[in-house]
Amino acid sequence: MKKRVTLTFSRETSQMPVTYLLARDFNVAANIIRAQVAPNRVGTLVLELSGEIDELNDSLDWLRSRQVQVSLVSQEITVDADVCVHCGLCTGVCPTEALKLDPKTAKLSFTRSRRVW
């Protein structure tokens, strides 16, 4: 089974070797999609986790018990052309960097090959 998650680390937990511990303690493989983590800073990891369902759930519970915020990723990225005003705010929170604002045209673009979901 596979699950895609976004992990948010506090300053105190940012140095935890998460992918190593998931593999060693839970037999869960972690494919890093995007990482923004630095020592003593708040950081995020977007991961695709693979393993048995019980091991995946146990590993996520363990992360939460260590004060790592876990958000499940479960939806397709979509851009509603009727509502989008091309302001670029979404580009700053897109976990896969699939959304970009073209500096020449000031238009939002979506790179489907970068999507995670």
N, C-alpha and C. Protein backbone atom coordinates (compact mmCIF):
# COMPACT_ATOMS: atom_id res chain seq x y z
N MET A 1 0.85 -1.17 0.00
CA MET A 1 0.00 0.00 0.00
C MET A 1 0.90 1.24 0.00
N LYS A 2 0.37 2.32 -0.56
CA LYS A 2 1.11 3.59 -0.59
C LYS A 2 0.25 4.70 -0.01
N LYS A 3 0.92 5.60 0.68
CA LYS A 3 0.26 6.81 1.19
C LYS A 3 1.18 7.97 0.92
N ARG A 4 0.59 9.08 0.53
CA ARG A 4 1.36 10.31 0.34
C ARG A 4 1.05 11.24 1.50
N VAL A 5 2.08 11.77 2.12
CA VAL A 5 1.91 12.59 3.30
C VAL A 5 2.81 13.82 3.23
N THR A 6 2.39 14.84 3.93
CA THR A 6 3.23 16.00 4.17
C THR A 6 3.53 16.02 5.66
N LEU A 7 4.82 16.03 5.99
CA LEU A 7 5.24 16.08 7.39
C LEU A 7 5.76 17.48 7.67
N THR A 8 5.31 18.07 8.78
CA THR A 8 5.79 19.38 9.20
C THR A 8 6.50 19.20 10.53
N PHE A 9 7.76 19.64 10.56
CA PHE A 9 8.61 19.48 11.72
C PHE A 9 8.75 20.81 12.46
N SER A 10 8.77 20.71 13.77
CA SER A 10 9.08 21.89 14.58
C SER A 10 10.60 22.07 14.61
N ARG A 11 11.05 23.15 15.19
CA ARG A 11 12.50 23.37 15.32
C ARG A 11 13.15 22.23 16.09
N GLU A 12 12.45 21.70 17.07
CA GLU A 12 13.00 20.66 17.93
C GLU A 12 13.08 19.30 17.24
N THR A 13 12.20 19.05 16.29
CA THR A 13 12.17 17.73 15.64
C THR A 13 12.79 17.73 14.25
N SER A 14 13.32 18.86 13.81
CA SER A 14 13.80 18.96 12.42
C SER A 14 15.04 18.12 12.14
N GLN A 15 15.75 17.67 13.17
CA GLN A 15 16.96 16.88 12.95
C GLN A 15 16.72 15.37 13.09
N MET A 16 15.47 14.97 13.26
CA MET A 16 15.13 13.56 13.39
C MET A 16 15.35 12.84 12.05
N PRO A 17 16.08 11.72 12.03
CA PRO A 17 16.32 10.98 10.77
C PRO A 17 15.10 10.14 10.39
N VAL A 18 14.06 10.79 9.92
CA VAL A 18 12.75 10.18 9.72
C VAL A 18 12.78 9.01 8.74
N THR A 19 13.34 9.19 7.57
CA THR A 19 13.29 8.11 6.57
C THR A 19 14.03 6.87 7.06
N TYR A 20 15.14 7.07 7.72
CA TYR A 20 15.89 5.94 8.29
C TYR A 20 15.07 5.22 9.35
N LEU A 21 14.46 5.96 10.26
CA LEU A 21 13.68 5.35 11.34
C LEU A 21 12.43 4.65 10.81
N LEU A 22 11.80 5.21 9.79
CA LEU A 22 10.63 4.55 9.20
C LEU A 22 11.02 3.20 8.60
N ALA A 23 12.16 3.16 7.92
CA ALA A 23 12.62 1.91 7.31
C ALA A 23 13.04 0.90 8.38
N ARG A 24 13.81 1.36 9.35
CA ARG A 24 14.35 0.46 10.37
C ARG A 24 13.28 -0.07 11.32
N ASP A 25 12.44 0.83 11.83
CA ASP A 25 11.51 0.45 12.89
C ASP A 25 10.14 -0.02 12.40
N PHE A 26 9.76 0.37 11.17
CA PHE A 26 8.41 0.05 10.70
C PHE A 26 8.38 -0.67 9.36
N ASN A 27 9.55 -0.89 8.75
CA ASN A 27 9.62 -1.53 7.43
C ASN A 27 8.82 -0.75 6.39
N VAL A 28 8.91 0.58 6.47
CA VAL A 28 8.20 1.47 5.56
C VAL A 28 9.24 2.19 4.70
N ALA A 29 9.06 2.11 3.38
CA ALA A 29 9.95 2.81 2.46
C ALA A 29 9.41 4.22 2.24
N ALA A 30 10.32 5.19 2.19
CA ALA A 30 9.92 6.59 2.02
C ALA A 30 10.59 7.17 0.78
N ASN A 31 9.78 7.56 -0.20
CA ASN A 31 10.27 8.25 -1.38
C ASN A 31 10.07 9.75 -1.14
N ILE A 32 11.15 10.50 -1.10
CA ILE A 32 11.06 11.94 -0.83
C ILE A 32 10.68 12.67 -2.11
N ILE A 33 9.53 13.32 -2.08
CA ILE A 33 9.04 14.08 -3.22
C ILE A 33 9.57 15.51 -3.17
N ARG A 34 9.53 16.09 -1.97
CA ARG A 34 10.02 17.46 -1.78
C ARG A 34 10.47 17.61 -0.34
N ALA A 35 11.58 18.29 -0.14
CA ALA A 35 12.10 18.50 1.21
C ALA A 35 12.50 19.95 1.41
N GLN A 36 12.06 20.52 2.50
CA GLN A 36 12.48 21.84 2.93
C GLN A 36 12.72 21.74 4.43
N VAL A 37 13.89 21.21 4.78
CA VAL A 37 14.23 20.96 6.18
C VAL A 37 15.64 21.47 6.43
N ALA A 38 15.82 22.18 7.52
CA ALA A 38 17.14 22.67 7.93
C ALA A 38 17.23 22.56 9.44
N PRO A 39 18.42 22.35 9.98
CA PRO A 39 18.57 22.23 11.43
C PRO A 39 18.01 23.45 12.16
N ASN A 40 17.30 23.18 13.24
CA ASN A 40 16.74 24.22 14.11
C ASN A 40 15.78 25.17 13.41
N ARG A 41 15.10 24.69 12.41
CA ARG A 41 14.09 25.49 11.69
C ARG A 41 12.85 24.64 11.50
N VAL A 42 11.72 25.28 11.33
CA VAL A 42 10.50 24.56 10.95
C VAL A 42 10.70 24.08 9.53
N GLY A 43 10.31 22.84 9.23
CA GLY A 43 10.52 22.29 7.89
C GLY A 43 9.40 21.37 7.47
N THR A 44 9.38 21.05 6.17
CA THR A 44 8.37 20.13 5.64
C THR A 44 9.01 19.10 4.73
N LEU A 45 8.41 17.93 4.72
CA LEU A 45 8.77 16.85 3.80
C LEU A 45 7.49 16.36 3.15
N VAL A 46 7.50 16.19 1.85
CA VAL A 46 6.41 15.52 1.15
C VAL A 46 6.96 14.16 0.77
N LEU A 47 6.32 13.10 1.28
CA LEU A 47 6.79 11.73 1.09
C LEU A 47 5.72 10.85 0.49
N GLU A 48 6.15 9.86 -0.27
CA GLU A 48 5.28 8.76 -0.64
C GLU A 48 5.78 7.56 0.15
N LEU A 49 4.95 7.06 1.06
CA LEU A 49 5.31 5.95 1.92
C LEU A 49 4.75 4.66 1.36
N SER A 50 5.55 3.59 1.40
CA SER A 50 5.13 2.27 0.91
C SER A 50 5.35 1.24 2.00
N GLY A 51 4.36 0.36 2.16
CA GLY A 51 4.48 -0.71 3.15
C GLY A 51 3.13 -1.34 3.41
N GLU A 52 3.12 -2.25 4.37
CA GLU A 52 1.86 -2.87 4.79
C GLU A 52 1.01 -1.82 5.50
N ILE A 53 -0.30 -1.92 5.38
CA ILE A 53 -1.21 -0.90 5.92
C ILE A 53 -1.02 -0.70 7.42
N ASP A 54 -0.88 -1.78 8.17
CA ASP A 54 -0.71 -1.65 9.61
C ASP A 54 0.60 -0.95 9.95
N GLU A 55 1.66 -1.27 9.22
CA GLU A 55 2.96 -0.63 9.46
C GLU A 55 2.91 0.85 9.09
N LEU A 56 2.23 1.17 8.00
CA LEU A 56 2.06 2.57 7.62
C LEU A 56 1.33 3.35 8.70
N ASN A 57 0.22 2.80 9.15
CA ASN A 57 -0.57 3.48 10.19
C ASN A 57 0.22 3.62 11.49
N ASP A 58 0.95 2.56 11.88
CA ASP A 58 1.78 2.63 13.09
C ASP A 58 2.86 3.69 12.96
N SER A 59 3.46 3.78 11.77
CA SER A 59 4.53 4.77 11.57
C SER A 59 3.98 6.19 11.65
N LEU A 60 2.79 6.42 11.10
CA LEU A 60 2.19 7.75 11.16
C LEU A 60 1.81 8.11 12.60
N ASP A 61 1.30 7.12 13.34
CA ASP A 61 0.99 7.36 14.75
C ASP A 61 2.26 7.69 15.53
N TRP A 62 3.34 6.99 15.23
CA TRP A 62 4.62 7.24 15.89
C TRP A 62 5.11 8.66 15.59
N LEU A 63 5.02 9.08 14.33
CA LEU A 63 5.43 10.44 13.97
C LEU A 63 4.63 11.48 14.75
N ARG A 64 3.33 11.27 14.82
CA ARG A 64 2.47 12.21 15.57
C ARG A 64 2.87 12.25 17.05
N SER A 65 3.22 11.08 17.60
CA SER A 65 3.63 11.03 19.01
C SER A 65 4.94 11.78 19.25
N ARG A 66 5.70 12.00 18.21
CA ARG A 66 6.97 12.74 18.30
C ARG A 66 6.79 14.21 17.91
N GLN A 67 5.55 14.67 17.91
CA GLN A 67 5.20 16.06 17.60
C GLN A 67 5.53 16.47 16.17
N VAL A 68 5.45 15.50 15.24
CA VAL A 68 5.56 15.80 13.82
C VAL A 68 4.13 15.87 13.29
N GLN A 69 3.79 16.98 12.65
CA GLN A 69 2.44 17.14 12.09
C GLN A 69 2.35 16.32 10.81
N VAL A 70 1.32 15.48 10.70
CA VAL A 70 1.14 14.61 9.54
C VAL A 70 -0.15 15.01 8.82
N SER A 71 -0.03 15.31 7.52
CA SER A 71 -1.20 15.61 6.69
C SER A 71 -1.22 14.64 5.53
N LEU A 72 -2.33 13.93 5.37
CA LEU A 72 -2.46 13.01 4.25
C LEU A 72 -2.77 13.79 2.99
N VAL A 73 -2.12 13.41 1.90
CA VAL A 73 -2.34 14.03 0.60
C VAL A 73 -3.22 13.08 -0.18
N SER A 74 -4.37 13.58 -0.61
CA SER A 74 -5.31 12.65 -1.24
C SER A 74 -6.06 13.21 -2.43
N GLN A 75 -5.70 14.36 -2.91
CA GLN A 75 -6.48 14.94 -4.00
C GLN A 75 -5.60 15.31 -5.18
N GLU A 76 -6.21 15.36 -6.32
CA GLU A 76 -5.59 15.82 -7.56
C GLU A 76 -5.48 17.33 -7.53
N ILE A 77 -4.38 17.85 -8.00
CA ILE A 77 -4.24 19.30 -8.13
C ILE A 77 -5.09 19.75 -9.32
N THR A 78 -5.90 20.76 -9.11
CA THR A 78 -6.69 21.32 -10.20
C THR A 78 -6.61 22.83 -10.13
N VAL A 79 -6.72 23.47 -11.28
CA VAL A 79 -6.76 24.92 -11.36
C VAL A 79 -8.09 25.29 -11.98
N ASP A 80 -8.90 26.04 -11.25
CA ASP A 80 -10.20 26.48 -11.76
C ASP A 80 -9.98 27.77 -12.54
N ALA A 81 -9.94 27.67 -13.85
CA ALA A 81 -9.65 28.81 -14.72
C ALA A 81 -10.68 29.93 -14.58
N ASP A 82 -11.91 29.60 -14.18
CA ASP A 82 -12.94 30.62 -14.02
C ASP A 82 -12.74 31.46 -12.76
N VAL A 83 -12.00 30.95 -11.79
CA VAL A 83 -11.81 31.63 -10.52
C VAL A 83 -10.39 32.19 -10.37
N CYS A 84 -9.41 31.54 -10.99
CA CYS A 84 -8.00 31.91 -10.83
C CYS A 84 -7.75 33.32 -11.36
N VAL A 85 -7.08 34.13 -10.53
CA VAL A 85 -6.74 35.50 -10.94
C VAL A 85 -5.23 35.64 -11.16
N HIS A 86 -4.52 34.51 -11.17
CA HIS A 86 -3.08 34.46 -11.45
C HIS A 86 -2.27 35.34 -10.47
N CYS A 87 -2.66 35.27 -9.19
CA CYS A 87 -1.95 36.06 -8.18
C CYS A 87 -0.66 35.38 -7.72
N GLY A 88 -0.59 34.05 -7.87
CA GLY A 88 0.61 33.32 -7.50
C GLY A 88 0.67 32.84 -6.07
N LEU A 89 -0.33 33.13 -5.25
CA LEU A 89 -0.30 32.70 -3.85
C LEU A 89 -0.21 31.18 -3.71
N CYS A 90 -0.84 30.46 -4.59
CA CYS A 90 -0.84 29.00 -4.51
C CYS A 90 0.55 28.41 -4.75
N THR A 91 1.40 29.11 -5.46
CA THR A 91 2.73 28.58 -5.77
C THR A 91 3.59 28.44 -4.52
N GLY A 92 3.34 29.26 -3.53
CA GLY A 92 4.12 29.21 -2.30
C GLY A 92 3.78 28.05 -1.40
N VAL A 93 2.60 27.46 -1.58
CA VAL A 93 2.19 26.35 -0.72
C VAL A 93 2.06 25.04 -1.47
N CYS A 94 2.33 25.02 -2.75
CA CYS A 94 2.24 23.79 -3.54
C CYS A 94 3.38 22.86 -3.13
N PRO A 95 3.08 21.67 -2.56
CA PRO A 95 4.14 20.80 -2.05
C PRO A 95 5.03 20.20 -3.12
N THR A 96 4.59 20.17 -4.38
CA THR A 96 5.39 19.56 -5.44
C THR A 96 5.99 20.57 -6.40
N GLU A 97 5.70 21.84 -6.18
CA GLU A 97 6.13 22.91 -7.08
C GLU A 97 5.60 22.71 -8.50
N ALA A 98 4.42 22.10 -8.60
CA ALA A 98 3.78 21.90 -9.90
C ALA A 98 3.12 23.18 -10.41
N LEU A 99 2.88 24.12 -9.52
CA LEU A 99 2.27 25.39 -9.90
C LEU A 99 3.36 26.46 -9.93
N LYS A 100 3.43 27.17 -11.03
CA LYS A 100 4.44 28.23 -11.21
C LYS A 100 3.77 29.45 -11.83
N LEU A 101 4.28 30.62 -11.46
CA LEU A 101 3.81 31.86 -12.07
C LEU A 101 4.88 32.30 -13.06
N ASP A 102 4.50 32.38 -14.33
CA ASP A 102 5.44 32.77 -15.38
C ASP A 102 5.77 34.25 -15.23
N PRO A 103 7.05 34.60 -15.01
CA PRO A 103 7.41 36.01 -14.80
C PRO A 103 7.19 36.88 -16.03
N LYS A 104 7.21 36.29 -17.21
CA LYS A 104 7.03 37.08 -18.44
C LYS A 104 5.57 37.41 -18.71
N THR A 105 4.71 36.40 -18.52
CA THR A 105 3.29 36.58 -18.84
C THR A 105 2.42 36.86 -17.62
N ALA A 106 2.96 36.64 -16.42
CA ALA A 106 2.20 36.77 -15.16
C ALA A 106 0.99 35.84 -15.15
N LYS A 107 1.14 34.68 -15.78
CA LYS A 107 0.07 33.68 -15.81
C LYS A 107 0.52 32.44 -15.05
N LEU A 108 -0.43 31.81 -14.39
CA LEU A 108 -0.17 30.59 -13.65
C LEU A 108 -0.06 29.42 -14.61
N SER A 109 0.93 28.57 -14.38
CA SER A 109 1.04 27.35 -15.19
C SER A 109 1.09 26.14 -14.25
N PHE A 110 0.64 25.02 -14.76
CA PHE A 110 0.58 23.78 -14.00
C PHE A 110 1.35 22.72 -14.76
N THR A 111 2.38 22.17 -14.14
CA THR A 111 3.18 21.11 -14.75
C THR A 111 2.68 19.77 -14.21
N ARG A 112 1.87 19.12 -14.99
CA ARG A 112 1.22 17.87 -14.55
C ARG A 112 2.23 16.80 -14.15
N SER A 113 3.38 16.74 -14.80
CA SER A 113 4.36 15.69 -14.50
C SER A 113 4.96 15.84 -13.10
N ARG A 114 4.83 17.00 -12.46
CA ARG A 114 5.35 17.22 -11.11
C ARG A 114 4.34 16.90 -10.04
N ARG A 115 3.12 16.60 -10.42
CA ARG A 115 2.09 16.35 -9.41
C ARG A 115 2.40 15.07 -8.66
N VAL A 116 1.97 14.98 -7.43
CA VAL A 116 2.22 13.82 -6.60
C VAL A 116 1.00 12.93 -6.53
N TRP A 117 -0.15 13.49 -6.60
CA TRP A 117 -1.37 12.74 -6.31
C TRP A 117 -1.79 11.92 -7.44
